């Protein structure tokens, strides 16, 4: 089955449910997912998926042992190494000297690096989850011959101890709000990703970082890197173990209990299209530092 990187013709509405607004079953899902993924906070993609509770329940039932497995966590490292190497080919401009000129102390730059590291780790997992969701919703399948999921016993050194501080639009001054508007226009999406709101905690840094990246976006080299990362993630997903027997029929049936199947599919396509670019962009920011 061929699954090309595909932006929906019409951007679907998304309804991410923030952690501070959930309780009961969703709160349990969020806490469990963060523990399994070794992440301090939920990503927008998984919060948006949880808007469809039957779909989310079936997806997480099948993917929980996959995400806790050694093959999944080995894939995270492989994707991160791939994206770091590929982003370096865009020749990011170093920013440390400029930040020092603005008065940033080395410890402050290290804080920015820590935020970038945590999100860069997490986004590999979200790309794999979004890819598996889209693959199944489009009638595909995954699973190796044995379908045994050897557990992962290592530690992810990139995990932050606490959630990042987000600069929401209502917290921000006019220049930052204008930068957010530029991000949405340039990327063609109606929201600003969590990662960019976390980095905007340092407005002068993020203005420099985004200004350097912006000319690369939608260029042929940047698009080629995003496509290559999409293909890499898809190939890794096809060979993951599937001990719970998660399949297209079961996931589509669950999704159809929440909304029109086409709606859930378009949401999965949106995030599966967006995440390779987000990962390359964060790798570019990491290379700047």
C-alpha atoms as a PDB file:
ATOM      1  CA  UNK A   1       0.000   0.000   0.000  1.00  0.00           C
ATOM      2  CA  UNK A   2       1.368   3.411  -1.033  1.00  0.00           C
ATOM      3  CA  UNK A   3       0.800   6.205   1.485  1.00  0.00           C
ATOM      4  CA  UNK A   4       2.111   9.529   0.262  1.00  0.00           C
ATOM      5  CA  UNK A   5       2.543  12.566   2.458  1.00  0.00           C
ATOM      6  CA  UNK A   6      -0.764  14.387   2.075  1.00  0.00           C
ATOM      7  CA  UNK A   7      -2.077  17.691   3.389  1.00  0.00           C
ATOM      8  CA  UNK A   8      -5.902  17.694   3.476  1.00  0.00           C
ATOM      9  CA  UNK A   9      -7.425  19.950   0.801  1.00  0.00           C
ATOM     10  CA  UNK A  10      -9.451  21.646   3.515  1.00  0.00           C
ATOM     11  CA  UNK A  11      -7.781  21.915   6.929  1.00  0.00           C
ATOM     12  CA  UNK A  12     -10.079  20.081   9.367  1.00  0.00           C
ATOM     13  CA  UNK A  13     -11.110  21.596  12.665  1.00  0.00           C
ATOM     14  CA  UNK A  14      -9.210  20.072  15.560  1.00  0.00           C
ATOM     15  CA  UNK A  15     -10.335  19.919  19.165  1.00  0.00           C
ATOM     16  CA  UNK A  16      -7.340  19.206  21.400  1.00  0.00           C
ATOM     17  CA  UNK A  17      -8.371  18.729  25.008  1.00  0.00           C
ATOM     18  CA  UNK A  18      -5.744  20.352  27.292  1.00  0.00           C
ATOM     19  CA  UNK A  19      -4.513  18.403  30.284  1.00  0.00           C
ATOM     20  CA  UNK A  20      -5.925  20.891  32.796  1.00  0.00           C
ATOM     21  CA  UNK A  21      -9.449  20.392  31.413  1.00  0.00           C
ATOM     22  CA  UNK A  22      -9.649  16.599  31.392  1.00  0.00           C
ATOM     23  CA  UNK A  23     -10.792  14.245  34.103  1.00  0.00           C
ATOM     24  CA  UNK A  24     -11.976  10.675  34.555  1.00  0.00           C
ATOM     25  CA  UNK A  25     -11.092   8.374  31.645  1.00  0.00           C
ATOM     26  CA  UNK A  26      -9.244  10.980  29.576  1.00  0.00           C
ATOM     27  CA  UNK A  27      -7.104  11.956  32.557  1.00  0.00           C
ATOM     28  CA  UNK A  28      -6.179   8.289  33.028  1.00  0.00           C
ATOM     29  CA  UNK A  29      -5.317   7.983  29.326  1.00  0.00           C
ATOM     30  CA  UNK A  30      -3.160  11.107  29.423  1.00  0.00           C
ATOM     31  CA  UNK A  31      -1.257  10.014  32.514  1.00  0.00           C
ATOM     32  CA  UNK A  32      -0.694   6.545  31.107  1.00  0.00           C
ATOM     33  CA  UNK A  33       0.410   7.814  27.706  1.00  0.00           C
ATOM     34  CA  UNK A  34       2.877  10.270  29.229  1.00  0.00           C
ATOM     35  CA  UNK A  35       4.341   7.502  31.387  1.00  0.00           C
ATOM     36  CA  UNK A  36       4.711   5.057  28.491  1.00  0.00           C
ATOM     37  CA  UNK A  37       6.178   7.679  26.126  1.00  0.00           C
ATOM     38  CA  UNK A  38       8.361   9.109  28.927  1.00  0.00           C
ATOM     39  CA  UNK A  39       7.098  12.611  28.180  1.00  0.00           C
ATOM     40  CA  UNK A  40       6.173  15.359  30.675  1.00  0.00           C
ATOM     41  CA  UNK A  41       3.171  16.597  28.689  1.00  0.00           C
ATOM     42  CA  UNK A  42       0.752  15.552  25.959  1.00  0.00           C
ATOM     43  CA  UNK A  43       1.251  16.536  22.333  1.00  0.00           C
ATOM     44  CA  UNK A  44      -1.423  18.365  20.343  1.00  0.00           C
ATOM     45  CA  UNK A  45      -1.866  15.357  18.059  1.00  0.00           C
ATOM     46  CA  UNK A  46      -2.785  12.950  20.860  1.00  0.00           C
ATOM     47  CA  UNK A  47      -4.939  15.551  22.602  1.00  0.00           C
ATOM     48  CA  UNK A  48      -6.782  16.080  19.313  1.00  0.00           C
ATOM     49  CA  UNK A  49      -7.214  12.323  18.878  1.00  0.00           C
ATOM     50  CA  UNK A  50      -8.742  12.103  22.358  1.00  0.00           C
ATOM     51  CA  UNK A  51     -11.624  14.283  21.146  1.00  0.00           C
ATOM     52  CA  UNK A  52     -12.849  11.023  19.583  1.00  0.00           C
ATOM     53  CA  UNK A  53     -13.039   8.784  22.687  1.00  0.00           C
ATOM     54  CA  UNK A  54     -13.918   5.453  21.043  1.00  0.00           C
ATOM     55  CA  UNK A  55     -11.239   5.976  18.419  1.00  0.00           C
ATOM     56  CA  UNK A  56      -8.668   6.970  21.042  1.00  0.00           C
ATOM     57  CA  UNK A  57      -9.535   4.037  23.300  1.00  0.00           C
ATOM     58  CA  UNK A  58      -9.079   1.516  20.488  1.00  0.00           C
ATOM     59  CA  UNK A  59      -5.934   3.199  19.165  1.00  0.00           C
ATOM     60  CA  UNK A  60      -4.245   3.319  22.578  1.00  0.00           C
ATOM     61  CA  UNK A  61      -5.378  -0.225  23.439  1.00  0.00           C
ATOM     62  CA  UNK A  62      -3.468  -1.469  20.424  1.00  0.00           C
ATOM     63  CA  UNK A  63      -0.519   0.919  20.512  1.00  0.00           C
ATOM     64  CA  UNK A  64       0.294   0.908  24.227  1.00  0.00           C
ATOM     65  CA  UNK A  65       2.441  -2.268  24.096  1.00  0.00           C
ATOM     66  CA  UNK A  66       3.938  -1.088  20.812  1.00  0.00           C
ATOM     67  CA  UNK A  67       5.013   2.249  22.334  1.00  0.00           C
ATOM     68  CA  UNK A  68       6.511   0.414  25.342  1.00  0.00           C
ATOM     69  CA  UNK A  69       8.513  -1.920  23.105  1.00  0.00           C
ATOM     70  CA  UNK A  70      12.195  -1.901  22.227  1.00  0.00           C
ATOM     71  CA  UNK A  71      11.551  -1.648  18.436  1.00  0.00           C
ATOM     72  CA  UNK A  72       9.469   1.516  18.922  1.00  0.00           C
ATOM     73  CA  UNK A  73      12.067   3.194  21.134  1.00  0.00           C
ATOM     74  CA  UNK A  74      14.880   2.166  18.808  1.00  0.00           C
ATOM     75  CA  UNK A  75      12.900   3.778  15.993  1.00  0.00           C
ATOM     76  CA  UNK A  76      12.742   7.043  17.968  1.00  0.00           C
ATOM     77  CA  UNK A  77      16.535   7.182  18.090  1.00  0.00           C
ATOM     78  CA  UNK A  78      16.810   6.307  14.404  1.00  0.00           C
ATOM     79  CA  UNK A  79      14.356   9.045  13.392  1.00  0.00           C
ATOM     80  CA  UNK A  80      16.075  11.628  15.572  1.00  0.00           C
ATOM     81  CA  UNK A  81      19.481  10.818  14.107  1.00  0.00           C
ATOM     82  CA  UNK A  82      17.977  10.916  10.611  1.00  0.00           C
ATOM     83  CA  UNK A  83      16.310  14.302  11.106  1.00  0.00           C
ATOM     84  CA  UNK A  84      19.371  15.854  12.757  1.00  0.00           C
ATOM     85  CA  UNK A  85      21.607  14.767   9.871  1.00  0.00           C
ATOM     86  CA  UNK A  86      19.129  15.921   7.248  1.00  0.00           C
ATOM     87  CA  UNK A  87      18.464  19.327   8.845  1.00  0.00           C
ATOM     88  CA  UNK A  88      22.210  19.981   8.926  1.00  0.00           C
ATOM     89  CA  UNK A  89      22.200  19.910   5.098  1.00  0.00           C
ATOM     90  CA  UNK A  90      20.167  23.145   5.191  1.00  0.00           C
ATOM     91  CA  UNK A  91      23.221  24.847   6.770  1.00  0.00           C
ATOM     92  CA  UNK A  92      21.517  26.538   9.757  1.00  0.00           C
ATOM     93  CA  UNK A  93      23.169  29.779  10.831  1.00  0.00           C
ATOM     94  CA  UNK A  94      24.719  29.649  14.334  1.00  0.00           C
ATOM     95  CA  UNK A  95      22.898  31.813  16.883  1.00  0.00           C
ATOM     96  CA  UNK A  96      25.000  31.553  20.041  1.00  0.00           C
ATOM     97  CA  UNK A  97      27.074  34.666  19.345  1.00  0.00           C
ATOM     98  CA  UNK A  98      23.975  36.710  18.534  1.00  0.00           C
ATOM     99  CA  UNK A  99      22.255  35.526  21.694  1.00  0.00           C
ATOM    100  CA  UNK A 100      25.333  36.366  23.738  1.00  0.00           C
ATOM    101  CA  UNK A 101      25.228  39.855  22.244  1.00  0.00           C
ATOM    102  CA  UNK A 102      21.631  40.191  23.414  1.00  0.00           C
ATOM    103  CA  UNK A 103      22.691  39.277  26.955  1.00  0.00           C
ATOM    104  CA  UNK A 104      21.768  35.583  27.096  1.00  0.00           C
ATOM    105  CA  UNK A 105      23.840  33.746  29.683  1.00  0.00           C
ATOM    106  CA  UNK A 106      25.115  30.227  28.852  1.00  0.00           C
ATOM    107  CA  UNK A 107      22.626  28.744  31.320  1.00  0.00           C
ATOM    108  CA  UNK A 108      19.734  30.405  29.512  1.00  0.00           C
ATOM    109  CA  UNK A 109      20.871  28.936  26.199  1.00  0.00           C
ATOM    110  CA  UNK A 110      21.082  25.544  27.905  1.00  0.00           C
ATOM    111  CA  UNK A 111      17.438  25.943  28.992  1.00  0.00           C
ATOM    112  CA  UNK A 112      16.435  26.516  25.362  1.00  0.00           C
ATOM    113  CA  UNK A 113      18.427  23.436  24.340  1.00  0.00           C
ATOM    114  CA  UNK A 114      16.626  21.354  26.992  1.00  0.00           C
ATOM    115  CA  UNK A 115      13.202  22.398  25.675  1.00  0.00           C
ATOM    116  CA  UNK A 116      14.262  21.627  22.114  1.00  0.00           C
ATOM    117  CA  UNK A 117      15.624  18.241  23.166  1.00  0.00           C
ATOM    118  CA  UNK A 118      12.430  17.192  24.946  1.00  0.00           C
ATOM    119  CA  UNK A 119      10.135  18.195  22.106  1.00  0.00           C
ATOM    120  CA  UNK A 120      12.431  16.682  19.493  1.00  0.00           C
ATOM    121  CA  UNK A 121      12.273  13.344  21.304  1.00  0.00           C
ATOM    122  CA  UNK A 122       8.519  13.506  21.752  1.00  0.00           C
ATOM    123  CA  UNK A 123       7.731  14.431  18.177  1.00  0.00           C
ATOM    124  CA  UNK A 124       9.347  11.266  16.843  1.00  0.00           C
ATOM    125  CA  UNK A 125       6.847   9.284  18.929  1.00  0.00           C
ATOM    126  CA  UNK A 126       3.919  11.402  17.802  1.00  0.00           C
ATOM    127  CA  UNK A 127       4.937  10.990  14.156  1.00  0.00           C
ATOM    128  CA  UNK A 128       4.960   7.208  14.545  1.00  0.00           C
ATOM    129  CA  UNK A 129       1.580   7.233  16.327  1.00  0.00           C
ATOM    130  CA  UNK A 130       0.019   9.512  13.705  1.00  0.00           C
ATOM    131  CA  UNK A 131       1.480   7.377  10.918  1.00  0.00           C
ATOM    132  CA  UNK A 132       0.071   4.162  12.399  1.00  0.00           C
ATOM    133  CA  UNK A 133      -3.340   5.805  12.898  1.00  0.00           C
ATOM    134  CA  UNK A 134      -3.480   7.054   9.310  1.00  0.00           C
ATOM    135  CA  UNK A 135      -2.164   3.767   7.918  1.00  0.00           C
ATOM    136  CA  UNK A 136      -4.977   1.819   9.592  1.00  0.00           C
ATOM    137  CA  UNK A 137      -7.703   4.352   8.814  1.00  0.00           C
ATOM    138  CA  UNK A 138      -6.731   4.076   5.147  1.00  0.00           C
ATOM    139  CA  UNK A 139      -7.099   0.297   5.286  1.00  0.00           C
ATOM    140  CA  UNK A 140      -3.438  -0.649   5.767  1.00  0.00           C
ATOM    141  CA  UNK A 141      -1.878  -2.969   8.293  1.00  0.00           C
ATOM    142  CA  UNK A 142       1.269  -3.386  10.360  1.00  0.00           C
ATOM    143  CA  UNK A 143       2.884  -6.149  12.388  1.00  0.00           C
ATOM    144  CA  UNK A 144       5.860  -8.449  12.116  1.00  0.00           C
ATOM    145  CA  UNK A 145       5.598 -12.205  11.765  1.00  0.00           C
ATOM    146  CA  UNK A 146       5.902 -12.943  15.497  1.00  0.00           C
ATOM    147  CA  UNK A 147       3.966  -9.935  16.806  1.00  0.00           C
ATOM    148  CA  UNK A 148       5.964 -10.142  20.037  1.00  0.00           C
ATOM    149  CA  UNK A 149       6.781  -6.784  21.601  1.00  0.00           C
ATOM    150  CA  UNK A 150      10.070  -7.045  23.533  1.00  0.00           C
ATOM    151  CA  UNK A 151       9.911  -4.425  26.297  1.00  0.00           C
ATOM    152  CA  UNK A 152      12.109  -1.357  26.386  1.00  0.00           C
ATOM    153  CA  UNK A 153      14.116  -1.095  29.617  1.00  0.00           C
ATOM    154  CA  UNK A 154      16.255   1.958  28.869  1.00  0.00           C
ATOM    155  CA  UNK A 155      15.783   5.563  29.853  1.00  0.00           C
ATOM    156  CA  UNK A 156      15.179   8.479  27.524  1.00  0.00           C
ATOM    157  CA  UNK A 157      17.766  11.065  28.519  1.00  0.00           C
ATOM    158  CA  UNK A 158      15.822  13.749  26.649  1.00  0.00           C
ATOM    159  CA  UNK A 159      12.784  13.630  28.928  1.00  0.00           C
ATOM    160  CA  UNK A 160      12.143  16.871  30.809  1.00  0.00           C
ATOM    161  CA  UNK A 161      11.267  16.786  34.482  1.00  0.00           C
ATOM    162  CA  UNK A 162       8.379  19.258  34.037  1.00  0.00           C
ATOM    163  CA  UNK A 163       6.166  20.544  31.222  1.00  0.00           C
ATOM    164  CA  UNK A 164       7.475  23.485  29.255  1.00  0.00           C
ATOM    165  CA  UNK A 165       6.131  26.964  29.962  1.00  0.00           C
ATOM    166  CA  UNK A 166       3.972  28.037  27.006  1.00  0.00           C
ATOM    167  CA  UNK A 167       3.679  31.592  25.735  1.00  0.00           C
ATOM    168  CA  UNK A 168       0.002  31.653  24.783  1.00  0.00           C
ATOM    169  CA  UNK A 169      -1.253  34.359  22.435  1.00  0.00           C
ATOM    170  CA  UNK A 170      -3.106  36.082  25.276  1.00  0.00           C
ATOM    171  CA  UNK A 171       0.150  36.228  27.263  1.00  0.00           C
ATOM    172  CA  UNK A 172       2.180  37.682  24.419  1.00  0.00           C
ATOM    173  CA  UNK A 173       3.026  41.206  23.328  1.00  0.00           C
ATOM    174  CA  UNK A 174       2.206  42.533  19.859  1.00  0.00           C
ATOM    175  CA  UNK A 175       5.473  41.431  18.147  1.00  0.00           C
ATOM    176  CA  UNK A 176       5.023  37.852  19.385  1.00  0.00           C
ATOM    177  CA  UNK A 177       1.371  37.779  18.300  1.00  0.00           C
ATOM    178  CA  UNK A 178       2.458  39.021  14.879  1.00  0.00           C
ATOM    179  CA  UNK A 179       5.086  36.284  14.749  1.00  0.00           C
ATOM    180  CA  UNK A 180       2.391  33.709  15.598  1.00  0.00           C
ATOM    181  CA  UNK A 181       0.252  35.061  12.762  1.00  0.00           C
ATOM    182  CA  UNK A 182       3.223  34.700  10.420  1.00  0.00           C
ATOM    183  CA  UNK A 183       3.779  31.111  11.549  1.00  0.00           C
ATOM    184  CA  UNK A 184       0.154  30.200  10.812  1.00  0.00           C
ATOM    185  CA  UNK A 185       0.216  31.931   7.416  1.00  0.00           C
ATOM    186  CA  UNK A 186       3.581  30.482   6.405  1.00  0.00           C
ATOM    187  CA  UNK A 187       2.762  26.921   7.476  1.00  0.00           C
ATOM    188  CA  UNK A 188      -0.830  27.086   6.261  1.00  0.00           C
ATOM    189  CA  UNK A 189      -2.404  25.860   9.516  1.00  0.00           C
ATOM    190  CA  UNK A 190      -4.868  27.625  11.850  1.00  0.00           C
ATOM    191  CA  UNK A 191      -2.922  27.005  15.068  1.00  0.00           C
ATOM    192  CA  UNK A 192       0.547  27.530  16.529  1.00  0.00           C
ATOM    193  CA  UNK A 193       2.208  24.311  17.625  1.00  0.00           C
ATOM    194  CA  UNK A 194       3.060  23.763  21.275  1.00  0.00           C
ATOM    195  CA  UNK A 195       6.766  23.718  20.429  1.00  0.00           C
ATOM    196  CA  UNK A 196       6.740  27.230  18.991  1.00  0.00           C
ATOM    197  CA  UNK A 197       4.722  28.565  21.940  1.00  0.00           C
ATOM    198  CA  UNK A 198       7.272  27.014  24.314  1.00  0.00           C
ATOM    199  CA  UNK A 199      10.215  28.576  22.466  1.00  0.00           C
ATOM    200  CA  UNK A 200       8.479  31.961  22.401  1.00  0.00           C
ATOM    201  CA  UNK A 201       9.028  32.061  26.161  1.00  0.00           C
ATOM    202  CA  UNK A 202      12.292  33.661  24.960  1.00  0.00           C
ATOM    203  CA  UNK A 203      10.861  36.138  22.403  1.00  0.00           C
ATOM    204  CA  UNK A 204      14.150  37.633  21.221  1.00  0.00           C
ATOM    205  CA  UNK A 205      15.638  34.162  20.700  1.00  0.00           C
ATOM    206  CA  UNK A 206      12.607  32.780  18.897  1.00  0.00           C
ATOM    207  CA  UNK A 207      12.366  35.790  16.594  1.00  0.00           C
ATOM    208  CA  UNK A 208      15.954  35.130  15.476  1.00  0.00           C
ATOM    209  CA  UNK A 209      15.433  31.366  15.142  1.00  0.00           C
ATOM    210  CA  UNK A 210      12.203  31.659  13.152  1.00  0.00           C
ATOM    211  CA  UNK A 211      13.615  34.427  10.969  1.00  0.00           C
ATOM    212  CA  UNK A 212      16.519  32.190   9.982  1.00  0.00           C
ATOM    213  CA  UNK A 213      14.303  29.161   9.306  1.00  0.00           C
ATOM    214  CA  UNK A 214      11.487  30.927   7.462  1.00  0.00           C
ATOM    215  CA  UNK A 215      13.216  31.237   4.039  1.00  0.00           C
ATOM    216  CA  UNK A 216      13.829  27.462   4.044  1.00  0.00           C
ATOM    217  CA  UNK A 217      10.157  26.562   4.445  1.00  0.00           C
ATOM    218  CA  UNK A 218       8.427  25.186   1.332  1.00  0.00           C
ATOM    219  CA  UNK A 219      11.738  25.208  -0.545  1.00  0.00           C
ATOM    220  CA  UNK A 220      12.549  22.135  -2.615  1.00  0.00           C
ATOM    221  CA  UNK A 221      15.330  20.987  -0.218  1.00  0.00           C
ATOM    222  CA  UNK A 222      13.096  21.395   2.853  1.00  0.00           C
ATOM    223  CA  UNK A 223      10.182  19.559   1.220  1.00  0.00           C
ATOM    224  CA  UNK A 224      12.523  16.741   0.162  1.00  0.00           C
ATOM    225  CA  UNK A 225      13.679  16.301   3.767  1.00  0.00           C
ATOM    226  CA  UNK A 226      10.083  16.176   5.002  1.00  0.00           C
ATOM    227  CA  UNK A 227       9.170  13.561   2.399  1.00  0.00           C
ATOM    228  CA  UNK A 228      12.209  11.448   3.270  1.00  0.00           C
ATOM    229  CA  UNK A 229      11.314  11.545   6.976  1.00  0.00           C
ATOM    230  CA  UNK A 230       7.719  10.575   6.159  1.00  0.00           C
ATOM    231  CA  UNK A 231       8.953   7.569   4.187  1.00  0.00           C
ATOM    232  CA  UNK A 232      11.369   6.546   6.936  1.00  0.00           C
ATOM    233  CA  UNK A 233       8.622   6.667   9.565  1.00  0.00           C
ATOM    234  CA  UNK A 234       6.237   4.684   7.369  1.00  0.00           C
ATOM    235  CA  UNK A 235       8.752   1.907   6.767  1.00  0.00           C
ATOM    236  CA  UNK A 236       9.542   1.647  10.470  1.00  0.00           C
ATOM    237  CA  UNK A 237       5.830   1.474  11.347  1.00  0.00           C
ATOM    238  CA  UNK A 238       5.084  -1.382   8.960  1.00  0.00           C
ATOM    239  CA  UNK A 239       7.447  -3.672  10.894  1.00  0.00           C
ATOM    240  CA  UNK A 240       6.480  -2.869  14.472  1.00  0.00           C
ATOM    241  CA  UNK A 241       5.073  -5.707  16.563  1.00  0.00           C
ATOM    242  CA  UNK A 242       1.290  -5.748  16.931  1.00  0.00           C
ATOM    243  CA  UNK A 243       0.583  -8.015  19.911  1.00  0.00           C
ATOM    244  CA  UNK A 244      -2.942  -6.656  20.489  1.00  0.00           C
ATOM    245  CA  UNK A 245      -3.976  -7.212  16.862  1.00  0.00           C
ATOM    246  CA  UNK A 246      -4.899  -3.593  16.162  1.00  0.00           C
ATOM    247  CA  UNK A 247      -6.374  -3.542  12.661  1.00  0.00           C
ATOM    248  CA  UNK A 248      -8.072  -1.294  10.137  1.00  0.00           C
ATOM    249  CA  UNK A 249     -11.569  -2.695  10.626  1.00  0.00           C
ATOM    250  CA  UNK A 250     -11.551  -2.279  14.401  1.00  0.00           C
ATOM    251  CA  UNK A 251     -10.083   1.228  14.349  1.00  0.00           C
ATOM    252  CA  UNK A 252     -12.424   2.454  11.605  1.00  0.00           C
ATOM    253  CA  UNK A 253     -15.422   1.032  13.454  1.00  0.00           C
ATOM    254  CA  UNK A 254     -14.357   2.816  16.650  1.00  0.00           C
ATOM    255  CA  UNK A 255     -13.812   6.112  14.810  1.00  0.00           C
ATOM    256  CA  UNK A 256     -17.212   5.899  13.142  1.00  0.00           C
ATOM    257  CA  UNK A 257     -18.850   5.766  16.578  1.00  0.00           C
ATOM    258  CA  UNK A 258     -17.488   9.249  17.328  1.00  0.00           C
ATOM    259  CA  UNK A 259     -17.849  11.133  14.036  1.00  0.00           C
ATOM    260  CA  UNK A 260     -17.869  10.676  10.296  1.00  0.00           C
ATOM    261  CA  UNK A 261     -14.948   8.408   9.442  1.00  0.00           C
ATOM    262  CA  UNK A 262     -13.751  10.937   6.849  1.00  0.00           C
ATOM    263  CA  UNK A 263     -13.407  13.569   9.593  1.00  0.00           C
ATOM    264  CA  UNK A 264     -11.171  11.428  11.800  1.00  0.00           C
ATOM    265  CA  UNK A 265      -9.127  10.389   8.765  1.00  0.00           C
ATOM    266  CA  UNK A 266      -8.538  14.004   7.728  1.00  0.00           C
ATOM    267  CA  UNK A 267      -7.391  14.899  11.260  1.00  0.00           C
ATOM    268  CA  UNK A 268      -4.910  12.006  11.167  1.00  0.00           C
ATOM    269  CA  UNK A 269      -3.712  13.099   7.717  1.00  0.00           C
ATOM    270  CA  UNK A 270      -3.209  16.674   8.923  1.00  0.00           C
ATOM    271  CA  UNK A 271      -0.931  15.682  11.787  1.00  0.00           C
ATOM    272  CA  UNK A 272       0.859  12.994   9.797  1.00  0.00           C
ATOM    273  CA  UNK A 273       1.623  15.661   7.176  1.00  0.00           C
ATOM    274  CA  UNK A 274       2.587  18.326   9.713  1.00  0.00           C
ATOM    275  CA  UNK A 275       4.909  16.341  11.981  1.00  0.00           C
ATOM    276  CA  UNK A 276       7.782  15.646   9.530  1.00  0.00           C
ATOM    277  CA  UNK A 277       8.090  19.384   8.889  1.00  0.00           C
ATOM    278  CA  UNK A 278       7.891  20.183  12.588  1.00  0.00           C
ATOM    279  CA  UNK A 279      10.622  17.636  13.340  1.00  0.00           C
ATOM    280  CA  UNK A 280      12.915  19.016  10.630  1.00  0.00           C
ATOM    281  CA  UNK A 281      12.287  22.551  11.892  1.00  0.00           C
ATOM    282  CA  UNK A 282      13.190  21.635  15.488  1.00  0.00           C
ATOM    283  CA  UNK A 283      16.296  19.815  14.269  1.00  0.00           C
ATOM    284  CA  UNK A 284      17.210  23.033  12.431  1.00  0.00           C
ATOM    285  CA  UNK A 285      16.745  25.039  15.657  1.00  0.00           C
ATOM    286  CA  UNK A 286      18.911  22.510  17.515  1.00  0.00           C
ATOM    287  CA  UNK A 287      21.659  22.869  14.925  1.00  0.00           C
ATOM    288  CA  UNK A 288      21.562  26.653  15.355  1.00  0.00           C
ATOM    289  CA  UNK A 289      22.673  26.145  18.967  1.00  0.00           C
END
